[in-house]
Amino acid sequence: MKPVDIAHSKSRNELVVTWEDSTASTYPVPYLRSWCPCAGCQGHGNEVKYLAAPEETSIGGLFEIGAYALGIRFHDGHDSGIYTWEWLRKIRAEAAPAGYKPVSYTHLTLPTIYSV
């Protein structure tokens, strides 16, 4: 599922993503920073952890990453997280379990790496 609109509200400090199925997901900016999926924040394991960000966390810029993800430059300059559409759908409040998710996820299907 892909977004049809992405709106950043500086006054409310949130990002609103409207999806192809017409649902809209609201992400408080500190919540997005807390779920940054980059290796610098998460390491190289198979678990993605919620790392609480300060409430004053804000967005400095947004940029597209191909046709599959959103890049977010936070006020502290951090911008290496790749927020895929799949990841944004997984952490949205509307996804099961309902509500914002300050927990961790373990990826159950990791790519197999073959060496020759």
PDB file of N, CA and C in Angstrom:
ATOM      1  N   MET A   1       0.858  -1.176   0.000  1.00  0.00           N
ATOM      2  CA  MET A   1       0.000   0.000   0.000  1.00  0.00           C
ATOM      3  C   MET A   1       0.904   1.239   0.000  1.00  0.00           C
ATOM      4  N   LYS A   2       0.566   2.187  -0.851  1.00  0.00           N
ATOM      5  CA  LYS A   2       1.360   3.404  -0.985  1.00  0.00           C
ATOM      6  C   LYS A   2       0.556   4.619  -0.510  1.00  0.00           C
ATOM      7  N   PRO A   3       1.262   5.663  -0.096  1.00  0.00           N
ATOM      8  CA  PRO A   3       0.559   6.884   0.284  1.00  0.00           C
ATOM      9  C   PRO A   3       0.125   7.671  -0.951  1.00  0.00           C
ATOM     10  N   VAL A   4      -0.958   8.405  -0.795  1.00  0.00           N
ATOM     11  CA  VAL A   4      -1.403   9.316  -1.847  1.00  0.00           C
ATOM     12  C   VAL A   4      -1.149  10.758  -1.433  1.00  0.00           C
ATOM     13  N   ASP A   5      -0.883  10.978  -0.144  1.00  0.00           N
ATOM     14  CA  ASP A   5      -0.572  12.318   0.345  1.00  0.00           C
ATOM     15  C   ASP A   5       0.221  12.203   1.646  1.00  0.00           C
ATOM     16  N   ILE A   6       1.200  13.092   1.793  1.00  0.00           N
ATOM     17  CA  ILE A   6       1.976  13.188   3.027  1.00  0.00           C
ATOM     18  C   ILE A   6       1.999  14.660   3.406  1.00  0.00           C
ATOM     19  N   ALA A   7       1.501  14.959   4.597  1.00  0.00           N
ATOM     20  CA  ALA A   7       1.427  16.355   5.053  1.00  0.00           C
ATOM     21  C   ALA A   7       2.159  16.499   6.382  1.00  0.00           C
ATOM     22  N   HIS A   8       3.029  17.492   6.453  1.00  0.00           N
ATOM     23  CA  HIS A   8       3.757  17.785   7.685  1.00  0.00           C
ATOM     24  C   HIS A   8       3.163  19.029   8.322  1.00  0.00           C
ATOM     25  N   SER A   9       2.654  18.885   9.539  1.00  0.00           N
ATOM     26  CA  SER A   9       2.125  20.031  10.279  1.00  0.00           C
ATOM     27  C   SER A   9       3.164  20.456  11.307  1.00  0.00           C
ATOM     28  N   LYS A  10       3.822  21.579  11.048  1.00  0.00           N
ATOM     29  CA  LYS A  10       4.818  22.082  12.002  1.00  0.00           C
ATOM     30  C   LYS A  10       4.153  22.527  13.289  1.00  0.00           C
ATOM     31  N   SER A  11       2.973  23.116  13.186  1.00  0.00           N
ATOM     32  CA  SER A  11       2.298  23.628  14.390  1.00  0.00           C
ATOM     33  C   SER A  11       1.875  22.498  15.329  1.00  0.00           C
ATOM     34  N   ARG A  12       1.495  21.348  14.773  1.00  0.00           N
ATOM     35  CA  ARG A  12       1.099  20.206  15.614  1.00  0.00           C
ATOM     36  C   ARG A  12       2.251  19.210  15.793  1.00  0.00           C
ATOM     37  N   ASN A  13       3.365  19.456  15.090  1.00  0.00           N
ATOM     38  CA  ASN A  13       4.552  18.602  15.138  1.00  0.00           C
ATOM     39  C   ASN A  13       4.194  17.141  14.853  1.00  0.00           C
ATOM     40  N   GLU A  14       3.539  16.958  13.693  1.00  0.00           N
ATOM     41  CA  GLU A  14       3.134  15.615  13.304  1.00  0.00           C
ATOM     42  C   GLU A  14       3.168  15.471  11.789  1.00  0.00           C
ATOM     43  N   LEU A  15       3.196  14.231  11.356  1.00  0.00           N
ATOM     44  CA  LEU A  15       3.147  13.884   9.953  1.00  0.00           C
ATOM     45  C   LEU A  15       1.857  13.102   9.734  1.00  0.00           C
ATOM     46  N   VAL A  16       1.102  13.467   8.694  1.00  0.00           N
ATOM     47  CA  VAL A  16      -0.138  12.752   8.381  1.00  0.00           C
ATOM     48  C   VAL A  16       0.028  12.127   7.000  1.00  0.00           C
ATOM     49  N   VAL A  17      -0.123  10.807   6.957  1.00  0.00           N
ATOM     50  CA  VAL A  17      -0.004  10.064   5.708  1.00  0.00           C
ATOM     51  C   VAL A  17      -1.388   9.533   5.342  1.00  0.00           C
ATOM     52  N   THR A  18      -1.851   9.882   4.136  1.00  0.00           N
ATOM     53  CA  THR A  18      -3.111   9.352   3.623  1.00  0.00           C
ATOM     54  C   THR A  18      -2.754   8.252   2.643  1.00  0.00           C
ATOM     55  N   TRP A  19      -3.340   7.085   2.860  1.00  0.00           N
ATOM     56  CA  TRP A  19      -3.017   5.883   2.091  1.00  0.00           C
ATOM     57  C   TRP A  19      -3.997   5.665   0.939  1.00  0.00           C
ATOM     58  N   GLU A  20      -3.639   4.763   0.038  1.00  0.00           N
ATOM     59  CA  GLU A  20      -4.476   4.421  -1.125  1.00  0.00           C
ATOM     60  C   GLU A  20      -5.870   3.960  -0.726  1.00  0.00           C
ATOM     61  N   ASP A  21      -6.006   3.374   0.457  1.00  0.00           N
ATOM     62  CA  ASP A  21      -7.325   2.903   0.890  1.00  0.00           C
ATOM     63  C   ASP A  21      -8.129   4.008   1.587  1.00  0.00           C
ATOM     64  N   SER A  22      -7.655   5.244   1.484  1.00  0.00           N
ATOM     65  CA  SER A  22      -8.301   6.449   2.036  1.00  0.00           C
ATOM     66  C   SER A  22      -8.162   6.599   3.550  1.00  0.00           C
ATOM     67  N   THR A  23      -7.450   5.707   4.227  1.00  0.00           N
ATOM     68  CA  THR A  23      -7.211   5.905   5.652  1.00  0.00           C
ATOM     69  C   THR A  23      -6.078   6.916   5.819  1.00  0.00           C
ATOM     70  N   ALA A  24      -6.127   7.643   6.905  1.00  0.00           N
ATOM     71  CA  ALA A  24      -5.079   8.613   7.217  1.00  0.00           C
ATOM     72  C   ALA A  24      -4.432   8.213   8.532  1.00  0.00           C
ATOM     73  N   SER A  25      -3.114   8.194   8.542  1.00  0.00           N
ATOM     74  CA  SER A  25      -2.359   7.846   9.741  1.00  0.00           C
ATOM     75  C   SER A  25      -1.610   9.072  10.220  1.00  0.00           C
ATOM     76  N   THR A  26      -1.743   9.370  11.515  1.00  0.00           N
ATOM     77  CA  THR A  26      -1.067  10.518  12.112  1.00  0.00           C
ATOM     78  C   THR A  26       0.096  10.021  12.959  1.00  0.00           C
ATOM     79  N   TYR A  27       1.270  10.577  12.707  1.00  0.00           N
ATOM     80  CA  TYR A  27       2.478  10.190  13.422  1.00  0.00           C
ATOM     81  C   TYR A  27       3.060  11.412  14.134  1.00  0.00           C
ATOM     82  N   PRO A  28       3.043  11.444  15.454  1.00  0.00           N
ATOM     83  CA  PRO A  28       3.764  12.509  16.152  1.00  0.00           C
ATOM     84  C   PRO A  28       5.250  12.400  15.786  1.00  0.00           C
ATOM     85  N   VAL A  29       5.905  13.518  15.546  1.00  0.00           N
ATOM     86  CA  VAL A  29       7.302  13.490  15.100  1.00  0.00           C
ATOM     87  C   VAL A  29       8.218  12.779  16.103  1.00  0.00           C
ATOM     88  N   PRO A  30       8.109  13.018  17.402  1.00  0.00           N
ATOM     89  CA  PRO A  30       8.975  12.267  18.321  1.00  0.00           C
ATOM     90  C   PRO A  30       8.762  10.748  18.230  1.00  0.00           C
ATOM     91  N   TYR A  31       7.537  10.330  17.942  1.00  0.00           N
ATOM     92  CA  TYR A  31       7.226   8.905  17.772  1.00  0.00           C
ATOM     93  C   TYR A  31       7.986   8.346  16.564  1.00  0.00           C
ATOM     94  N   LEU A  32       8.003   9.081  15.446  1.00  0.00           N
ATOM     95  CA  LEU A  32       8.738   8.636  14.264  1.00  0.00           C
ATOM     96  C   LEU A  32      10.226   8.514  14.561  1.00  0.00           C
ATOM     97  N   ARG A  33      10.772   9.513  15.246  1.00  0.00           N
ATOM     98  CA  ARG A  33      12.210   9.477  15.585  1.00  0.00           C
ATOM     99  C   ARG A  33      12.502   8.312  16.519  1.00  0.00           C
ATOM    100  N   SER A  34      11.572   7.989  17.403  1.00  0.00           N
ATOM    101  CA  SER A  34      11.742   6.877  18.336  1.00  0.00           C
ATOM    102  C   SER A  34      11.777   5.533  17.624  1.00  0.00           C
ATOM    103  N   TRP A  35      11.139   5.454  16.453  1.00  0.00           N
ATOM    104  CA  TRP A  35      11.111   4.231  15.671  1.00  0.00           C
ATOM    105  C   TRP A  35      12.072   4.281  14.483  1.00  0.00           C
ATOM    106  N   CYS A  36      13.102   5.110  14.553  1.00  0.00           N
ATOM    107  CA  CYS A  36      14.047   5.199  13.435  1.00  0.00           C
ATOM    108  C   CYS A  36      14.647   3.817  13.160  1.00  0.00           C
ATOM    109  N   PRO A  37      14.516   3.336  11.912  1.00  0.00           N
ATOM    110  CA  PRO A  37      14.978   1.987  11.602  1.00  0.00           C
ATOM    111  C   PRO A  37      16.446   1.897  11.175  1.00  0.00           C
ATOM    112  N   CYS A  38      17.200   2.983  11.228  1.00  0.00           N
ATOM    113  CA  CYS A  38      18.571   2.938  10.706  1.00  0.00           C
ATOM    114  C   CYS A  38      19.493   2.097  11.594  1.00  0.00           C
ATOM    115  N   ALA A  39      20.571   1.609  11.006  1.00  0.00           N
ATOM    116  CA  ALA A  39      21.531   0.777  11.736  1.00  0.00           C
ATOM    117  C   ALA A  39      22.221   1.554  12.849  1.00  0.00           C
ATOM    118  N   GLY A  40      22.400   2.873  12.673  1.00  0.00           N
ATOM    119  CA  GLY A  40      23.013   3.670  13.721  1.00  0.00           C
ATOM    120  C   GLY A  40      22.179   3.698  14.985  1.00  0.00           C
ATOM    121  N   CYS A  41      20.875   3.699  14.824  1.00  0.00           N
ATOM    122  CA  CYS A  41      19.967   3.679  15.985  1.00  0.00           C
ATOM    123  C   CYS A  41      19.709   2.264  16.467  1.00  0.00           C
ATOM    124  N   GLN A  42      19.610   1.322  15.549  1.00  0.00           N
ATOM    125  CA  GLN A  42      19.136  -0.019  15.880  1.00  0.00           C
ATOM    126  C   GLN A  42      20.218  -1.090  15.931  1.00  0.00           C
ATOM    127  N   GLY A  43      21.391  -0.797  15.430  1.00  0.00           N
ATOM    128  CA  GLY A  43      22.400  -1.842  15.346  1.00  0.00           C
ATOM    129  C   GLY A  43      22.116  -2.733  14.149  1.00  0.00           C
ATOM    130  N   HIS A  44      22.695  -3.910  14.155  1.00  0.00           N
ATOM    131  CA  HIS A  44      22.570  -4.803  12.994  1.00  0.00           C
ATOM    132  C   HIS A  44      21.871  -6.108  13.333  1.00  0.00           C
ATOM    133  N   GLY A  45      21.068  -6.113  14.369  1.00  0.00           N
ATOM    134  CA  GLY A  45      20.336  -7.318  14.758  1.00  0.00           C
ATOM    135  C   GLY A  45      19.042  -7.445  13.985  1.00  0.00           C
ATOM    136  N   ASN A  46      18.186  -8.341  14.443  1.00  0.00           N
ATOM    137  CA  ASN A  46      16.909  -8.543  13.758  1.00  0.00           C
ATOM    138  C   ASN A  46      15.748  -7.998  14.573  1.00  0.00           C
ATOM    139  N   GLU A  47      16.033  -7.151  15.539  1.00  0.00           N
ATOM    140  CA  GLU A  47      14.988  -6.538  16.343  1.00  0.00           C
ATOM    141  C   GLU A  47      15.081  -5.016  16.205  1.00  0.00           C
ATOM    142  N   VAL A  48      13.937  -4.385  16.014  1.00  0.00           N
ATOM    143  CA  VAL A  48      13.877  -2.931  15.948  1.00  0.00           C
ATOM    144  C   VAL A  48      13.247  -2.455  17.244  1.00  0.00           C
ATOM    145  N   LYS A  49      13.944  -1.595  17.950  1.00  0.00           N
ATOM    146  CA  LYS A  49      13.490  -1.155  19.268  1.00  0.00           C
ATOM    147  C   LYS A  49      12.982   0.279  19.233  1.00  0.00           C
ATOM    148  N   TYR A  50      12.022   0.543  20.088  1.00  0.00           N
ATOM    149  CA  TYR A  50      11.518   1.898  20.308  1.00  0.00           C
ATOM    150  C   TYR A  50      12.518   2.593  21.219  1.00  0.00           C
ATOM    151  N   LEU A  51      13.127   3.669  20.721  1.00  0.00           N
ATOM    152  CA  LEU A  51      14.113   4.425  21.481  1.00  0.00           C
ATOM    153  C   LEU A  51      13.549   5.821  21.690  1.00  0.00           C
ATOM    154  N   ALA A  52      12.992   6.063  22.848  1.00  0.00           N
ATOM    155  CA  ALA A  52      12.247   7.297  23.120  1.00  0.00           C
ATOM    156  C   ALA A  52      13.049   8.550  22.758  1.00  0.00           C
ATOM    157  N   ALA A  53      12.442   9.385  21.917  1.00  0.00           N
ATOM    158  CA  ALA A  53      13.037  10.649  21.494  1.00  0.00           C
ATOM    159  C   ALA A  53      12.458  11.777  22.336  1.00  0.00           C
ATOM    160  N   PRO A  54      13.202  12.862  22.491  1.00  0.00           N
ATOM    161  CA  PRO A  54      12.676  14.007  23.247  1.00  0.00           C
ATOM    162  C   PRO A  54      11.415  14.579  22.603  1.00  0.00           C
ATOM    163  N   GLU A  55      10.509  15.064  23.416  1.00  0.00           N
ATOM    164  CA  GLU A  55       9.247  15.634  22.923  1.00  0.00           C
ATOM    165  C   GLU A  55       9.469  16.815  21.980  1.00  0.00           C
ATOM    166  N   GLU A  56      10.580  17.510  22.112  1.00  0.00           N
ATOM    167  CA  GLU A  56      10.836  18.669  21.249  1.00  0.00           C
ATOM    168  C   GLU A  56      11.421  18.282  19.890  1.00  0.00           C
ATOM    169  N   THR A  57      11.544  16.990  19.606  1.00  0.00           N
ATOM    170  CA  THR A  57      12.043  16.525  18.309  1.00  0.00           C
ATOM    171  C   THR A  57      11.151  17.070  17.198  1.00  0.00           C
ATOM    172  N   SER A  58      11.770  17.636  16.175  1.00  0.00           N
ATOM    173  CA  SER A  58      11.004  18.189  15.056  1.00  0.00           C
ATOM    174  C   SER A  58      11.650  17.775  13.739  1.00  0.00           C
ATOM    175  N   ILE A  59      10.946  18.041  12.655  1.00  0.00           N
ATOM    176  CA  ILE A  59      11.417  17.691  11.311  1.00  0.00           C
ATOM    177  C   ILE A  59      12.053  18.913  10.666  1.00  0.00           C
ATOM    178  N   GLY A  60      13.257  18.702  10.117  1.00  0.00           N
ATOM    179  CA  GLY A  60      13.936  19.747   9.370  1.00  0.00           C
ATOM    180  C   GLY A  60      13.699  19.637   7.880  1.00  0.00           C
ATOM    181  N   GLY A  61      13.349  18.438   7.405  1.00  0.00           N
ATOM    182  CA  GLY A  61      13.092  18.243   5.981  1.00  0.00           C
ATOM    183  C   GLY A  61      12.602  16.843   5.690  1.00  0.00           C
ATOM    184  N   LEU A  62      11.916  16.707   4.570  1.00  0.00           N
ATOM    185  CA  LEU A  62      11.403  15.412   4.099  1.00  0.00           C
ATOM    186  C   LEU A  62      11.908  15.200   2.678  1.00  0.00           C
ATOM    187  N   PHE A  63      12.222  13.957   2.334  1.00  0.00           N
ATOM    188  CA  PHE A  63      12.660  13.668   0.976  1.00  0.00           C
ATOM    189  C   PHE A  63      12.239  12.253   0.592  1.00  0.00           C
ATOM    190  N   GLU A  64      11.988  12.061  -0.691  1.00  0.00           N
ATOM    191  CA  GLU A  64      11.597  10.749  -1.195  1.00  0.00           C
ATOM    192  C   GLU A  64      12.827   9.868  -1.334  1.00  0.00           C
ATOM    193  N   ILE A  65      12.633   8.594  -1.089  1.00  0.00           N
ATOM    194  CA  ILE A  65      13.661   7.600  -1.352  1.00  0.00           C
ATOM    195  C   ILE A  65      13.038   6.628  -2.340  1.00  0.00           C
ATOM    196  N   GLY A  66      13.399   6.789  -3.594  1.00  0.00           N
ATOM    197  CA  GLY A  66      12.797   5.984  -4.649  1.00  0.00           C
ATOM    198  C   GLY A  66      11.290   6.128  -4.623  1.00  0.00           C
ATOM    199  N   ALA A  67      10.599   5.042  -4.938  1.00  0.00           N
ATOM    200  CA  ALA A  67       9.136   5.031  -4.906  1.00  0.00           C
ATOM    201  C   ALA A  67       8.632   4.185  -3.747  1.00  0.00           C
ATOM    202  N   TYR A  68       9.533   3.914  -2.767  1.00  0.00           N
ATOM    203  CA  TYR A  68       9.174   2.968  -1.723  1.00  0.00           C
ATOM    204  C   TYR A  68       9.315   3.490  -0.299  1.00  0.00           C
ATOM    205  N   ALA A  69       9.833   4.715  -0.131  1.00  0.00           N
ATOM    206  CA  ALA A  69      10.113   5.150   1.242  1.00  0.00           C
ATOM    207  C   ALA A  69      10.194   6.666   1.354  1.00  0.00           C
ATOM    208  N   LEU A  70      10.184   7.092   2.605  1.00  0.00           N
ATOM    209  CA  LEU A  70      10.303   8.499   2.958  1.00  0.00           C
ATOM    210  C   LEU A  70      11.564   8.675   3.785  1.00  0.00           C
ATOM    211  N   GLY A  71      12.320   9.704   3.461  1.00  0.00           N
ATOM    212  CA  GLY A  71      13.470  10.086   4.273  1.00  0.00           C
ATOM    213  C   GLY A  71      13.065  11.283   5.125  1.00  0.00           C
ATOM    214  N   ILE A  72      13.476  11.271   6.376  1.00  0.00           N
ATOM    215  CA  ILE A  72      13.152  12.369   7.288  1.00  0.00           C
ATOM    216  C   ILE A  72      14.444  12.922   7.862  1.00  0.00           C
ATOM    217  N   ARG A  73      14.644  14.215   7.709  1.00  0.00           N
ATOM    218  CA  ARG A  73      15.775  14.890   8.346  1.00  0.00           C
ATOM    219  C   ARG A  73      15.232  15.561   9.601  1.00  0.00           C
ATOM    220  N   PHE A  74      15.658  15.063  10.752  1.00  0.00           N
ATOM    221  CA  PHE A  74      15.200  15.615  12.018  1.00  0.00           C
ATOM    222  C   PHE A  74      16.018  16.844  12.385  1.00  0.00           C
ATOM    223  N   HIS A  75      15.508  17.629  13.305  1.00  0.00           N
ATOM    224  CA  HIS A  75      16.139  18.896  13.691  1.00  0.00           C
ATOM    225  C   HIS A  75      17.573  18.714  14.172  1.00  0.00           C
ATOM    226  N   ASP A  76      17.911  17.528  14.663  1.00  0.00           N
ATOM    227  CA  ASP A  76      19.272  17.274  15.146  1.00  0.00           C
ATOM    228  C   ASP A  76      20.218  16.847  14.026  1.00  0.00           C
ATOM    229  N   GLY A  77      19.723  16.857  12.771  1.00  0.00           N
ATOM    230  CA  GLY A  77      20.538  16.500  11.618  1.00  0.00           C
ATOM    231  C   GLY A  77      20.477  15.026  11.243  1.00  0.00           C
ATOM    232  N   HIS A  78      19.893  14.208  12.091  1.00  0.00           N
ATOM    233  CA  HIS A  78      19.803  12.772  11.812  1.00  0.00           C
ATOM    234  C   HIS A  78      18.867  12.543  10.627  1.00  0.00           C
ATOM    235  N   ASP A  79      19.353  11.804   9.614  1.00  0.00           N
ATOM    236  CA  ASP A  79      18.522  11.571   8.431  1.00  0.00           C
ATOM    237  C   ASP A  79      18.813  10.237   7.747  1.00  0.00           C
ATOM    238  N   SER A  80      19.366   9.279   8.471  1.00  0.00           N
ATOM    239  CA  SER A  80      19.734   8.019   7.832  1.00  0.00           C
ATOM    240  C   SER A  80      18.667   6.927   7.913  1.00  0.00           C
ATOM    241  N   GLY A  81      17.558   7.191   8.577  1.00  0.00           N
ATOM    242  CA  GLY A  81      16.475   6.206   8.638  1.00  0.00           C
ATOM    243  C   GLY A  81      15.696   6.169   7.336  1.00  0.00           C
ATOM    244  N   ILE A  82      15.427   4.976   6.845  1.00  0.00           N
ATOM    245  CA  ILE A  82      14.613   4.807   5.643  1.00  0.00           C
ATOM    246  C   ILE A  82      13.245   4.299   6.100  1.00  0.00           C
ATOM    247  N   TYR A  83      12.266   5.183   6.045  1.00  0.00           N
ATOM    248  CA  TYR A  83      10.910   4.864   6.494  1.00  0.00           C
ATOM    249  C   TYR A  83      10.116   4.338   5.311  1.00  0.00           C
ATOM    250  N   THR A  84      10.190   3.009   5.091  1.00  0.00           N
ATOM    251  CA  THR A  84       9.467   2.416   3.967  1.00  0.00           C
ATOM    252  C   THR A  84       7.969   2.536   4.221  1.00  0.00           C
ATOM    253  N   TRP A  85       7.219   2.439   3.140  1.00  0.00           N
ATOM    254  CA  TRP A  85       5.750   2.494   3.293  1.00  0.00           C
ATOM    255  C   TRP A  85       5.302   1.343   4.189  1.00  0.00           C
ATOM    256  N   GLU A  86       5.927   0.171   4.028  1.00  0.00           N
ATOM    257  CA  GLU A  86       5.581  -0.984   4.856  1.00  0.00           C
ATOM    258  C   GLU A  86       5.852  -0.701   6.341  1.00  0.00           C
ATOM    259  N   TRP A  87       6.991  -0.064   6.629  1.00  0.00           N
ATOM    260  CA  TRP A  87       7.332   0.247   8.025  1.00  0.00           C
ATOM    261  C   TRP A  87       6.355   1.258   8.606  1.00  0.00           C
ATOM    262  N   LEU A  88       6.020   2.294   7.846  1.00  0.00           N
ATOM    263  CA  LEU A  88       5.062   3.292   8.330  1.00  0.00           C
ATOM    264  C   LEU A  88       3.693   2.666   8.587  1.00  0.00           C
ATOM    265  N   ARG A  89       3.285   1.722   7.754  1.00  0.00           N
ATOM    266  CA  ARG A  89       2.006   1.032   7.988  1.00  0.00           C
ATOM    267  C   ARG A  89       2.070   0.184   9.258  1.00  0.00           C
ATOM    268  N   LYS A  90       3.212  -0.417   9.507  1.00  0.00           N
ATOM    269  CA  LYS A  90       3.351  -1.304  10.664  1.00  0.00           C
ATOM    270  C   LYS A  90       3.294  -0.537  11.988  1.00  0.00           C
ATOM    271  N   ILE A  91       3.873   0.668  12.037  1.00  0.00           N
ATOM    272  CA  ILE A  91       3.940   1.410  13.307  1.00  0.00           C
ATOM    273  C   ILE A  91       2.790   2.410  13.479  1.00  0.00           C
ATOM    274  N   ARG A  92       1.875   2.478  12.526  1.00  0.00           N
ATOM    275  CA  ARG A  92       0.762   3.430  12.655  1.00  0.00           C
ATOM    276  C   ARG A  92      -0.165   3.008  13.789  1.00  0.00           C
ATOM    277  N   ALA A  93      -0.837   3.954  14.377  1.00  0.00           N
ATOM    278  CA  ALA A  93      -1.719   3.690  15.518  1.00  0.00           C
ATOM    279  C   ALA A  93      -2.876   2.763  15.142  1.00  0.00           C
ATOM    280  N   GLU A  94      -3.280   2.785  13.883  1.00  0.00           N
ATOM    281  CA  GLU A  94      -4.418   1.975  13.442  1.00  0.00           C
ATOM    282  C   GLU A  94      -4.066   0.499  13.266  1.00  0.00           C
ATOM    283  N   ALA A  95      -2.781   0.177  13.200  1.00  0.00           N
ATOM    284  CA  ALA A  95      -2.358  -1.213  13.008  1.00  0.00           C
ATOM    285  C   ALA A  95      -2.456  -1.981  14.327  1.00  0.00           C
ATOM    286  N   ALA A  96      -2.676  -3.274  14.215  1.00  0.00           N
ATOM    287  CA  ALA A  96      -2.779  -4.112  15.421  1.00  0.00           C
ATOM    288  C   ALA A  96      -1.402  -4.269  16.063  1.00  0.00           C
ATOM    289  N   PRO A  97      -1.295  -4.243  17.351  1.00  0.00           N
ATOM    290  CA  PRO A  97      -2.353  -3.882  18.295  1.00  0.00           C
ATOM    291  C   PRO A  97      -2.624  -2.391  18.219  1.00  0.00           C
ATOM    292  N   ALA A  98      -3.875  -1.988  18.395  1.00  0.00           N
ATOM    293  CA  ALA A  98      -4.280  -0.591  18.233  1.00  0.00           C
ATOM    294  C   ALA A  98      -3.511   0.314  19.183  1.00  0.00           C
ATOM    295  N   GLY A  99      -3.226   1.524  18.708  1.00  0.00           N
ATOM    296  CA  GLY A  99      -2.523   2.515  19.517  1.00  0.00           C
ATOM    297  C   GLY A  99      -1.075   2.651  19.090  1.00  0.00           C
ATOM    298  N   TYR A 100      -0.413   3.657  19.626  1.00  0.00           N
ATOM    299  CA  TYR A 100       1.007   3.848  19.331  1.00  0.00           C
ATOM    300  C   TYR A 100       1.788   2.734  20.003  1.00  0.00           C
ATOM    301  N   LYS A 101       2.905   2.374  19.441  1.00  0.00           N
ATOM    302  CA  LYS A 101       3.604   1.154  19.818  1.00  0.00           C
ATOM    303  C   LYS A 101       4.991   1.388  20.416  1.00  0.00           C
ATOM    304  N   PRO A 102       5.086   1.732  21.681  1.00  0.00           N
ATOM    305  CA  PRO A 102       6.404   1.882  22.302  1.00  0.00           C
ATOM    306  C   PRO A 102       6.932   0.539  22.807  1.00  0.00           C
ATOM    307  N   VAL A 103       7.152  -0.363  21.885  1.00  0.00           N
ATOM    308  CA  VAL A 103       7.655  -1.703  22.200  1.00  0.00           C
ATOM    309  C   VAL A 103       8.766  -2.027  21.214  1.00  0.00           C
ATOM    310  N   SER A 104       8.971  -3.269  20.877  1.00  0.00           N
ATOM    311  CA  SER A 104       9.957  -3.618  19.859  1.00  0.00           C
ATOM    312  C   SER A 104       9.366  -4.663  18.922  1.00  0.00           C
ATOM    313  N   TYR A 105       9.946  -4.747  17.746  1.00  0.00           N
ATOM    314  CA  TYR A 105       9.526  -5.719  16.744  1.00  0.00           C
ATOM    315  C   TYR A 105      10.707  -6.610  16.411  1.00  0.00           C
ATOM    316  N   THR A 106      10.440  -7.868  16.228  1.00  0.00           N
ATOM    317  CA  THR A 106      11.457  -8.792  15.734  1.00  0.00           C
ATOM    318  C   THR A 106      11.049  -9.163  14.319  1.00  0.00           C
ATOM    319  N   HIS A 107      11.973  -8.956  13.403  1.00  0.00           N
ATOM    320  CA  HIS A 107      11.695  -9.332  12.013  1.00  0.00           C
ATOM    321  C   HIS A 107      11.725 -10.846  11.917  1.00  0.00           C
ATOM    322  N   LEU A 108      10.644 -11.430  11.489  1.00  0.00           N
ATOM    323  CA  LEU A 108      10.540 -12.876  11.413  1.00  0.00           C
ATOM    324  C   LEU A 108      11.096 -13.412  10.098  1.00  0.00           C
ATOM    325  N   THR A 109      11.116 -12.582   9.087  1.00  0.00           N
ATOM    326  CA  THR A 109      11.638 -13.035   7.803  1.00  0.00           C
ATOM    327  C   THR A 109      12.798 -12.139   7.391  1.00  0.00           C
ATOM    328  N   LEU A 110      13.971 -12.616   7.585  1.00  0.00           N
ATOM    329  CA  LEU A 110      15.164 -11.891   7.185  1.00  0.00           C
ATOM    330  C   LEU A 110      15.695 -12.511   5.893  1.00  0.00           C
ATOM    331  N   PRO A 111      16.287 -11.703   5.038  1.00  0.00           N
ATOM    332  CA  PRO A 111      16.833 -12.269   3.810  1.00  0.00           C
ATOM    333  C   PRO A 111      18.000 -13.221   4.139  1.00  0.00           C
ATOM    334  N   THR A 112      18.091 -14.281   3.386  1.00  0.00           N
ATOM    335  CA  THR A 112      19.204 -15.204   3.555  1.00  0.00           C
ATOM    336  C   THR A 112      20.377 -14.679   2.747  1.00  0.00           C
ATOM    337  N   ILE A 113      21.521 -14.621   3.363  1.00  0.00           N
ATOM    338  CA  ILE A 113      22.722 -14.132   2.676  1.00  0.00           C
ATOM    339  C   ILE A 113      23.584 -15.341   2.333  1.00  0.00           C
ATOM    340  N   TYR A 114      23.864 -15.489   1.066  1.00  0.00           N
ATOM    341  CA  TYR A 114      24.672 -16.614   0.599  1.00  0.00           C
ATOM    342  C   TYR A 114      26.066 -16.119   0.269  1.00  0.00           C
ATOM    343  N   SER A 115      27.061 -16.854   0.647  1.00  0.00           N
ATOM    344  CA  SER A 115      28.421 -16.509   0.238  1.00  0.00           C
ATOM    345  C   SER A 115      28.898 -17.576  -0.746  1.00  0.00           C
ATOM    346  N   VAL A 116      29.676 -17.144  -1.673  1.00  0.00           N
ATOM    347  CA  VAL A 116      30.141 -18.063  -2.715  1.00  0.00           C
ATOM    348  C   VAL A 116      31.603 -18.346  -2.517  1.00  0.00           C
TER     349      VAL A 116
END
